[in-house]
PDB file of N, CA and C in Angstrom:
ATOM      1  N   MET A   1       0.831  -1.193  -0.008  1.00  0.00           N
ATOM      2  CA  MET A   1      -0.001  -0.017   0.005  1.00  0.00           C
ATOM      3  C   MET A   1       0.880   1.244  -0.004  1.00  0.00           C
ATOM      4  N   GLU A   2       0.557   2.194  -0.887  1.00  0.00           N
ATOM      5  CA  GLU A   2       1.322   3.438  -0.967  1.00  0.00           C
ATOM      6  C   GLU A   2       0.984   4.362   0.182  1.00  0.00           C
ATOM      7  N   PHE A   3       1.986   5.116   0.578  1.00  0.00           N
ATOM      8  CA  PHE A   3       1.771   6.187   1.584  1.00  0.00           C
ATOM      9  C   PHE A   3       1.155   7.400   0.896  1.00  0.00           C
ATOM     10  N   LEU A   4      -0.027   7.802   1.310  1.00  0.00           N
ATOM     11  CA  LEU A   4      -0.665   9.000   0.731  1.00  0.00           C
ATOM     12  C   LEU A   4      -0.424  10.187   1.653  1.00  0.00           C
ATOM     13  N   PRO A   5       0.276  11.220   1.149  1.00  0.00           N
ATOM     14  CA  PRO A   5       0.524  12.415   1.926  1.00  0.00           C
ATOM     15  C   PRO A   5      -0.710  13.135   2.321  1.00  0.00           C
ATOM     16  N   LYS A   6      -0.621  13.890   3.451  1.00  0.00           N
ATOM     17  CA  LYS A   6      -1.763  14.725   3.891  1.00  0.00           C
ATOM     18  C   LYS A   6      -1.858  16.006   3.094  1.00  0.00           C
ATOM     19  N   LYS A   7      -3.069  16.475   2.961  1.00  0.00           N
ATOM     20  CA  LYS A   7      -3.282  17.777   2.301  1.00  0.00           C
ATOM     21  C   LYS A   7      -2.706  18.837   3.167  1.00  0.00           C
ATOM     22  N   GLY A   8      -1.943  19.760   2.569  1.00  0.00           N
ATOM     23  CA  GLY A   8      -1.368  20.830   3.389  1.00  0.00           C
ATOM     24  C   GLY A   8      -0.247  21.566   2.695  1.00  0.00           C
ATOM     25  N   VAL A   9       0.536  22.294   3.429  1.00  0.00           N
ATOM     26  CA  VAL A   9       1.651  23.057   2.920  1.00  0.00           C
ATOM     27  C   VAL A   9       2.924  22.292   3.200  1.00  0.00           C
ATOM     28  N   TYR A  10       3.746  22.228   2.191  1.00  0.00           N
ATOM     29  CA  TYR A  10       5.001  21.446   2.253  1.00  0.00           C
ATOM     30  C   TYR A  10       6.156  22.370   1.838  1.00  0.00           C
ATOM     31  N   ARG A  11       7.333  22.052   2.445  1.00  0.00           N
ATOM     32  CA  ARG A  11       8.572  22.768   2.037  1.00  0.00           C
ATOM     33  C   ARG A  11       9.394  21.804   1.232  1.00  0.00           C
ATOM     34  N   HIS A  12       9.692  22.267   0.027  1.00  0.00           N
ATOM     35  CA  HIS A  12      10.609  21.487  -0.838  1.00  0.00           C
ATOM     36  C   HIS A  12      12.023  21.551  -0.292  1.00  0.00           C
ATOM     37  N   PHE A  13      12.811  20.579  -0.506  1.00  0.00           N
ATOM     38  CA  PHE A  13      14.121  20.534   0.101  1.00  0.00           C
ATOM     39  C   PHE A  13      15.027  21.685  -0.364  1.00  0.00           C
ATOM     40  N   LYS A  14      14.662  22.366  -1.408  1.00  0.00           N
ATOM     41  CA  LYS A  14      15.405  23.570  -1.839  1.00  0.00           C
ATOM     42  C   LYS A  14      14.882  24.873  -1.187  1.00  0.00           C
ATOM     43  N   GLY A  15      13.727  24.733  -0.434  1.00  0.00           N
ATOM     44  CA  GLY A  15      13.291  25.857   0.389  1.00  0.00           C
ATOM     45  C   GLY A  15      11.935  26.428   0.054  1.00  0.00           C
ATOM     46  N   ASN A  16      11.457  26.295  -1.176  1.00  0.00           N
ATOM     47  CA  ASN A  16      10.149  26.914  -1.513  1.00  0.00           C
ATOM     48  C   ASN A  16       8.964  26.155  -0.887  1.00  0.00           C
ATOM     49  N   LEU A  17       7.862  26.884  -0.702  1.00  0.00           N
ATOM     50  CA  LEU A  17       6.646  26.277  -0.144  1.00  0.00           C
ATOM     51  C   LEU A  17       5.637  25.959  -1.274  1.00  0.00           C
ATOM     52  N   TYR A  18       4.936  24.847  -1.070  1.00  0.00           N
ATOM     53  CA  TYR A  18       3.915  24.414  -2.020  1.00  0.00           C
ATOM     54  C   TYR A  18       2.705  23.881  -1.262  1.00  0.00           C
ATOM     55  N   GLU A  19       1.540  24.013  -1.823  1.00  0.00           N
ATOM     56  CA  GLU A  19       0.319  23.479  -1.244  1.00  0.00           C
ATOM     57  C   GLU A  19      -0.081  22.218  -2.014  1.00  0.00           C
ATOM     58  N   LEU A  20      -0.159  21.091  -1.325  1.00  0.00           N
ATOM     59  CA  LEU A  20      -0.651  19.886  -1.936  1.00  0.00           C
ATOM     60  C   LEU A  20      -2.169  19.975  -2.089  1.00  0.00           C
ATOM     61  N   LEU A  21      -2.619  19.932  -3.316  1.00  0.00           N
ATOM     62  CA  LEU A  21      -4.047  20.110  -3.613  1.00  0.00           C
ATOM     63  C   LEU A  21      -4.822  18.793  -3.703  1.00  0.00           C
ATOM     64  N   TYR A  22      -4.261  17.848  -4.512  1.00  0.00           N
ATOM     65  CA  TYR A  22      -4.982  16.581  -4.792  1.00  0.00           C
ATOM     66  C   TYR A  22      -3.980  15.472  -5.039  1.00  0.00           C
ATOM     67  N   ILE A  23      -4.488  14.230  -4.883  1.00  0.00           N
ATOM     68  CA  ILE A  23      -3.855  13.046  -5.410  1.00  0.00           C
ATOM     69  C   ILE A  23      -4.714  12.645  -6.582  1.00  0.00           C
ATOM     70  N   ALA A  24      -4.108  12.501  -7.772  1.00  0.00           N
ATOM     71  CA  ALA A  24      -4.839  12.217  -9.019  1.00  0.00           C
ATOM     72  C   ALA A  24      -4.318  10.858  -9.567  1.00  0.00           C
ATOM     73  N   ASN A  25      -5.128  10.311 -10.441  1.00  0.00           N
ATOM     74  CA  ASN A  25      -4.703   9.109 -11.137  1.00  0.00           C
ATOM     75  C   ASN A  25      -4.464   9.416 -12.600  1.00  0.00           C
ATOM     76  N   ASP A  26      -3.308   8.995 -13.145  1.00  0.00           N
ATOM     77  CA  ASP A  26      -3.038   9.173 -14.553  1.00  0.00           C
ATOM     78  C   ASP A  26      -3.981   8.294 -15.354  1.00  0.00           C
ATOM     79  N   SER A  27      -4.666   8.866 -16.315  1.00  0.00           N
ATOM     80  CA  SER A  27      -5.671   8.156 -17.059  1.00  0.00           C
ATOM     81  C   SER A  27      -5.103   7.045 -17.949  1.00  0.00           C
ATOM     82  N   GLU A  28      -3.850   7.142 -18.302  1.00  0.00           N
ATOM     83  CA  GLU A  28      -3.215   6.151 -19.190  1.00  0.00           C
ATOM     84  C   GLU A  28      -2.550   5.049 -18.417  1.00  0.00           C
ATOM     85  N   THR A  29      -1.830   5.397 -17.365  1.00  0.00           N
ATOM     86  CA  THR A  29      -1.040   4.391 -16.612  1.00  0.00           C
ATOM     87  C   THR A  29      -1.610   4.041 -15.274  1.00  0.00           C
ATOM     88  N   LEU A  30      -2.599   4.797 -14.778  1.00  0.00           N
ATOM     89  CA  LEU A  30      -3.206   4.641 -13.460  1.00  0.00           C
ATOM     90  C   LEU A  30      -2.201   4.987 -12.326  1.00  0.00           C
ATOM     91  N   GLU A  31      -1.046   5.493 -12.655  1.00  0.00           N
ATOM     92  CA  GLU A  31      -0.087   5.957 -11.665  1.00  0.00           C
ATOM     93  C   GLU A  31      -0.638   7.073 -10.873  1.00  0.00           C
ATOM     94  N   LYS A  32      -0.440   7.076  -9.550  1.00  0.00           N
ATOM     95  CA  LYS A  32      -0.913   8.166  -8.676  1.00  0.00           C
ATOM     96  C   LYS A  32       0.032   9.365  -8.918  1.00  0.00           C
ATOM     97  N   LYS A  33      -0.561  10.567  -9.024  1.00  0.00           N
ATOM     98  CA  LYS A  33       0.212  11.777  -9.179  1.00  0.00           C
ATOM     99  C   LYS A  33      -0.224  12.791  -8.088  1.00  0.00           C
ATOM    100  N   VAL A  34       0.687  13.676  -7.733  1.00  0.00           N
ATOM    101  CA  VAL A  34       0.403  14.723  -6.754  1.00  0.00           C
ATOM    102  C   VAL A  34       0.193  16.029  -7.541  1.00  0.00           C
ATOM    103  N   VAL A  35      -0.889  16.718  -7.287  1.00  0.00           N
ATOM    104  CA  VAL A  35      -1.157  18.015  -7.888  1.00  0.00           C
ATOM    105  C   VAL A  35      -0.938  19.058  -6.828  1.00  0.00           C
ATOM    106  N   TYR A  36      -0.042  20.004  -7.117  1.00  0.00           N
ATOM    107  CA  TYR A  36       0.339  20.976  -6.066  1.00  0.00           C
ATOM    108  C   TYR A  36       0.573  22.349  -6.681  1.00  0.00           C
ATOM    109  N   LYS A  37       0.453  23.294  -5.786  1.00  0.00           N
ATOM    110  CA  LYS A  37       0.508  24.731  -6.184  1.00  0.00           C
ATOM    111  C   LYS A  37       1.704  25.412  -5.519  1.00  0.00           C
ATOM    112  N   ALA A  38       2.481  26.195  -6.291  1.00  0.00           N
ATOM    113  CA  ALA A  38       3.576  26.961  -5.729  1.00  0.00           C
ATOM    114  C   ALA A  38       2.972  28.118  -4.901  1.00  0.00           C
ATOM    115  N   LEU A  39       3.517  28.334  -3.709  1.00  0.00           N
ATOM    116  CA  LEU A  39       3.058  29.425  -2.883  1.00  0.00           C
ATOM    117  C   LEU A  39       3.993  30.617  -2.986  1.00  0.00           C
ATOM    118  N   TYR A  40       4.495  30.830  -4.199  1.00  0.00           N
ATOM    119  CA  TYR A  40       5.359  31.973  -4.499  1.00  0.00           C
ATOM    120  C   TYR A  40       5.186  32.311  -5.954  1.00  0.00           C
ATOM    121  N   GLY A  41       5.707  33.416  -6.389  1.00  0.00           N
ATOM    122  CA  GLY A  41       5.618  33.782  -7.805  1.00  0.00           C
ATOM    123  C   GLY A  41       4.176  33.889  -8.308  1.00  0.00           C
ATOM    124  N   ASP A  42       3.938  33.272  -9.465  1.00  0.00           N
ATOM    125  CA  ASP A  42       2.598  33.296 -10.056  1.00  0.00           C
ATOM    126  C   ASP A  42       1.650  32.194  -9.539  1.00  0.00           C
ATOM    127  N   GLY A  43       2.128  31.391  -8.567  1.00  0.00           N
ATOM    128  CA  GLY A  43       1.272  30.352  -8.016  1.00  0.00           C
ATOM    129  C   GLY A  43       1.027  29.225  -9.013  1.00  0.00           C
ATOM    130  N   GLU A  44       2.012  28.862  -9.807  1.00  0.00           N
ATOM    131  CA  GLU A  44       1.794  27.828 -10.835  1.00  0.00           C
ATOM    132  C   GLU A  44       1.355  26.505 -10.238  1.00  0.00           C
ATOM    133  N   ILE A  45       0.603  25.753 -11.022  1.00  0.00           N
ATOM    134  CA  ILE A  45       0.135  24.429 -10.628  1.00  0.00           C
ATOM    135  C   ILE A  45       1.078  23.404 -11.282  1.00  0.00           C
ATOM    136  N   TRP A  46       1.516  22.443 -10.460  1.00  0.00           N
ATOM    137  CA  TRP A  46       2.432  21.434 -10.904  1.00  0.00           C
ATOM    138  C   TRP A  46       1.876  20.023 -10.626  1.00  0.00           C
ATOM    139  N   VAL A  47       2.453  19.030 -11.322  1.00  0.00           N
ATOM    140  CA  VAL A  47       2.064  17.633 -11.053  1.00  0.00           C
ATOM    141  C   VAL A  47       3.385  16.790 -11.072  1.00  0.00           C
ATOM    142  N   ARG A  48       3.415  15.850 -10.229  1.00  0.00           N
ATOM    143  CA  ARG A  48       4.619  14.971 -10.118  1.00  0.00           C
ATOM    144  C   ARG A  48       4.154  13.617  -9.631  1.00  0.00           C
ATOM    145  N   PRO A  49       4.822  12.516 -10.010  1.00  0.00           N
ATOM    146  CA  PRO A  49       4.466  11.180  -9.525  1.00  0.00           C
ATOM    147  C   PRO A  49       4.523  11.104  -7.984  1.00  0.00           C
ATOM    148  N   LEU A  50       3.579  10.446  -7.381  1.00  0.00           N
ATOM    149  CA  LEU A  50       3.520  10.278  -5.935  1.00  0.00           C
ATOM    150  C   LEU A  50       4.795   9.670  -5.416  1.00  0.00           C
ATOM    151  N   GLU A  51       5.344   8.712  -6.139  1.00  0.00           N
ATOM    152  CA  GLU A  51       6.599   8.066  -5.719  1.00  0.00           C
ATOM    153  C   GLU A  51       7.681   9.105  -5.564  1.00  0.00           C
ATOM    154  N   MET A  52       7.823  10.054  -6.443  1.00  0.00           N
ATOM    155  CA  MET A  52       8.808  11.093  -6.362  1.00  0.00           C
ATOM    156  C   MET A  52       8.570  12.056  -5.177  1.00  0.00           C
ATOM    157  N   TRP A  53       7.246  12.365  -4.989  1.00  0.00           N
ATOM    158  CA  TRP A  53       6.866  13.281  -3.896  1.00  0.00           C
ATOM    159  C   TRP A  53       7.377  12.693  -2.555  1.00  0.00           C
ATOM    160  N   ASN A  54       7.195  11.396  -2.382  1.00  0.00           N
ATOM    161  CA  ASN A  54       7.478  10.756  -1.115  1.00  0.00           C
ATOM    162  C   ASN A  54       8.988  10.390  -0.901  1.00  0.00           C
ATOM    163  N   GLU A  55       9.790  10.486  -1.968  1.00  0.00           N
ATOM    164  CA  GLU A  55      11.149  10.009  -1.837  1.00  0.00           C
ATOM    165  C   GLU A  55      12.061  10.942  -1.026  1.00  0.00           C
ATOM    166  N   GLU A  56      13.185  10.349  -0.662  1.00  0.00           N
ATOM    167  CA  GLU A  56      14.244  11.113   0.043  1.00  0.00           C
ATOM    168  C   GLU A  56      15.296  11.493  -0.998  1.00  0.00           C
ATOM    169  N   VAL A  57      15.909  12.624  -0.777  1.00  0.00           N
ATOM    170  CA  VAL A  57      17.021  13.118  -1.647  1.00  0.00           C
ATOM    171  C   VAL A  57      18.251  13.224  -0.819  1.00  0.00           C
ATOM    172  N   ILE A  58      19.396  13.264  -1.471  1.00  0.00           N
ATOM    173  CA  ILE A  58      20.652  13.463  -0.816  1.00  0.00           C
ATOM    174  C   ILE A  58      21.099  14.907  -1.036  1.00  0.00           C
ATOM    175  N   LEU A  59      21.316  15.608   0.053  1.00  0.00           N
ATOM    176  CA  LEU A  59      21.709  17.029   0.004  1.00  0.00           C
ATOM    177  C   LEU A  59      23.181  17.133  -0.331  1.00  0.00           C
ATOM    178  N   PRO A  60      23.639  18.302  -0.775  1.00  0.00           N
ATOM    179  CA  PRO A  60      25.093  18.438  -1.066  1.00  0.00           C
ATOM    180  C   PRO A  60      25.962  18.122   0.105  1.00  0.00           C
ATOM    181  N   SER A  61      25.447  18.247   1.331  1.00  0.00           N
ATOM    182  CA  SER A  61      26.187  17.931   2.542  1.00  0.00           C
ATOM    183  C   SER A  61      26.316  16.441   2.770  1.00  0.00           C
ATOM    184  N   GLY A  62      25.525  15.666   1.982  1.00  0.00           N
ATOM    185  CA  GLY A  62      25.554  14.205   2.115  1.00  0.00           C
ATOM    186  C   GLY A  62      24.414  13.714   3.006  1.00  0.00           C
ATOM    187  N   GLU A  63      23.697  14.661   3.675  1.00  0.00           N
ATOM    188  CA  GLU A  63      22.561  14.278   4.475  1.00  0.00           C
ATOM    189  C   GLU A  63      21.384  13.872   3.649  1.00  0.00           C
ATOM    190  N   LYS A  64      20.489  13.059   4.166  1.00  0.00           N
ATOM    191  CA  LYS A  64      19.227  12.697   3.531  1.00  0.00           C
ATOM    192  C   LYS A  64      18.119  13.611   4.002  1.00  0.00           C
ATOM    193  N   ALA A  65      17.183  13.952   3.125  1.00  0.00           N
ATOM    194  CA  ALA A  65      16.034  14.781   3.479  1.00  0.00           C
ATOM    195  C   ALA A  65      14.884  14.367   2.615  1.00  0.00           C
ATOM    196  N   LYS A  66      13.674  14.557   3.106  1.00  0.00           N
ATOM    197  CA  LYS A  66      12.482  14.308   2.287  1.00  0.00           C
ATOM    198  C   LYS A  66      12.456  15.384   1.192  1.00  0.00           C
ATOM    199  N   ARG A  67      12.030  14.973   0.027  1.00  0.00           N
ATOM    200  CA  ARG A  67      11.896  15.951  -1.111  1.00  0.00           C
ATOM    201  C   ARG A  67      10.877  17.025  -0.673  1.00  0.00           C
ATOM    202  N   PHE A  68       9.760  16.637  -0.093  1.00  0.00           N
ATOM    203  CA  PHE A  68       8.768  17.567   0.403  1.00  0.00           C
ATOM    204  C   PHE A  68       8.456  17.196   1.837  1.00  0.00           C
ATOM    205  N   ALA A  69       8.593  18.158   2.733  1.00  0.00           N
ATOM    206  CA  ALA A  69       8.319  17.942   4.204  1.00  0.00           C
ATOM    207  C   ALA A  69       7.095  18.754   4.578  1.00  0.00           C
ATOM    208  N   LEU A  70       6.162  18.094   5.281  1.00  0.00           N
ATOM    209  CA  LEU A  70       4.925  18.751   5.697  1.00  0.00           C
ATOM    210  C   LEU A  70       5.261  19.841   6.684  1.00  0.00           C
ATOM    211  N   VAL A  71       4.709  21.045   6.411  1.00  0.00           N
ATOM    212  CA  VAL A  71       4.869  22.210   7.316  1.00  0.00           C
ATOM    213  C   VAL A  71       3.585  22.412   8.093  1.00  0.00           C
ATOM    214  N   GLU A  72       2.441  22.310   7.384  1.00  0.00           N
ATOM    215  CA  GLU A  72       1.151  22.592   8.013  1.00  0.00           C
ATOM    216  C   GLU A  72       0.107  21.756   7.312  1.00  0.00           C
ATOM    217  N   GLU A  73      -0.549  20.891   8.102  1.00  0.00           N
ATOM    218  CA  GLU A  73      -1.653  20.065   7.559  1.00  0.00           C
ATOM    219  C   GLU A  73      -2.949  20.895   7.459  1.00  0.00           C
ATOM    220  N   THR A  74      -3.628  20.785   6.348  1.00  0.00           N
ATOM    221  CA  THR A  74      -4.891  21.522   6.214  1.00  0.00           C
ATOM    222  C   THR A  74      -6.076  20.573   6.379  1.00  0.00           C
ATOM    223  N   GLU A  75      -6.016  19.357   5.814  1.00  0.00           N
ATOM    224  CA  GLU A  75      -7.025  18.316   5.988  1.00  0.00           C
ATOM    225  C   GLU A  75      -6.484  17.052   5.283  1.00  0.00           C
ATOM    226  N   THR A  76      -7.165  15.947   5.485  1.00  0.00           N
ATOM    227  CA  THR A  76      -6.760  14.720   4.822  1.00  0.00           C
ATOM    228  C   THR A  76      -7.395  14.655   3.448  1.00  0.00           C
ATOM    229  N   ILE A  77      -6.780  13.970   2.505  1.00  0.00           N
ATOM    230  CA  ILE A  77      -7.290  13.823   1.164  1.00  0.00           C
ATOM    231  C   ILE A  77      -8.234  12.654   1.113  1.00  0.00           C
TER     232      ILE A  77
END
């Protein structure tokens, strides 16, 4: 079973904030995707595979960090 993130505001490991809006299904592959909004600039809407959203990345320092870390939960999806 896949881990489904909570709806809310997340900090990307590079520092910007995003709001997770929805978990969607790709109509062709049925892969789960995360639909999210940038909370800076023009507030663009983005989509990325759920697997990537949940993964850890290696920082230049060699430390591991979540690609997106929950800052504030708004509600469950």
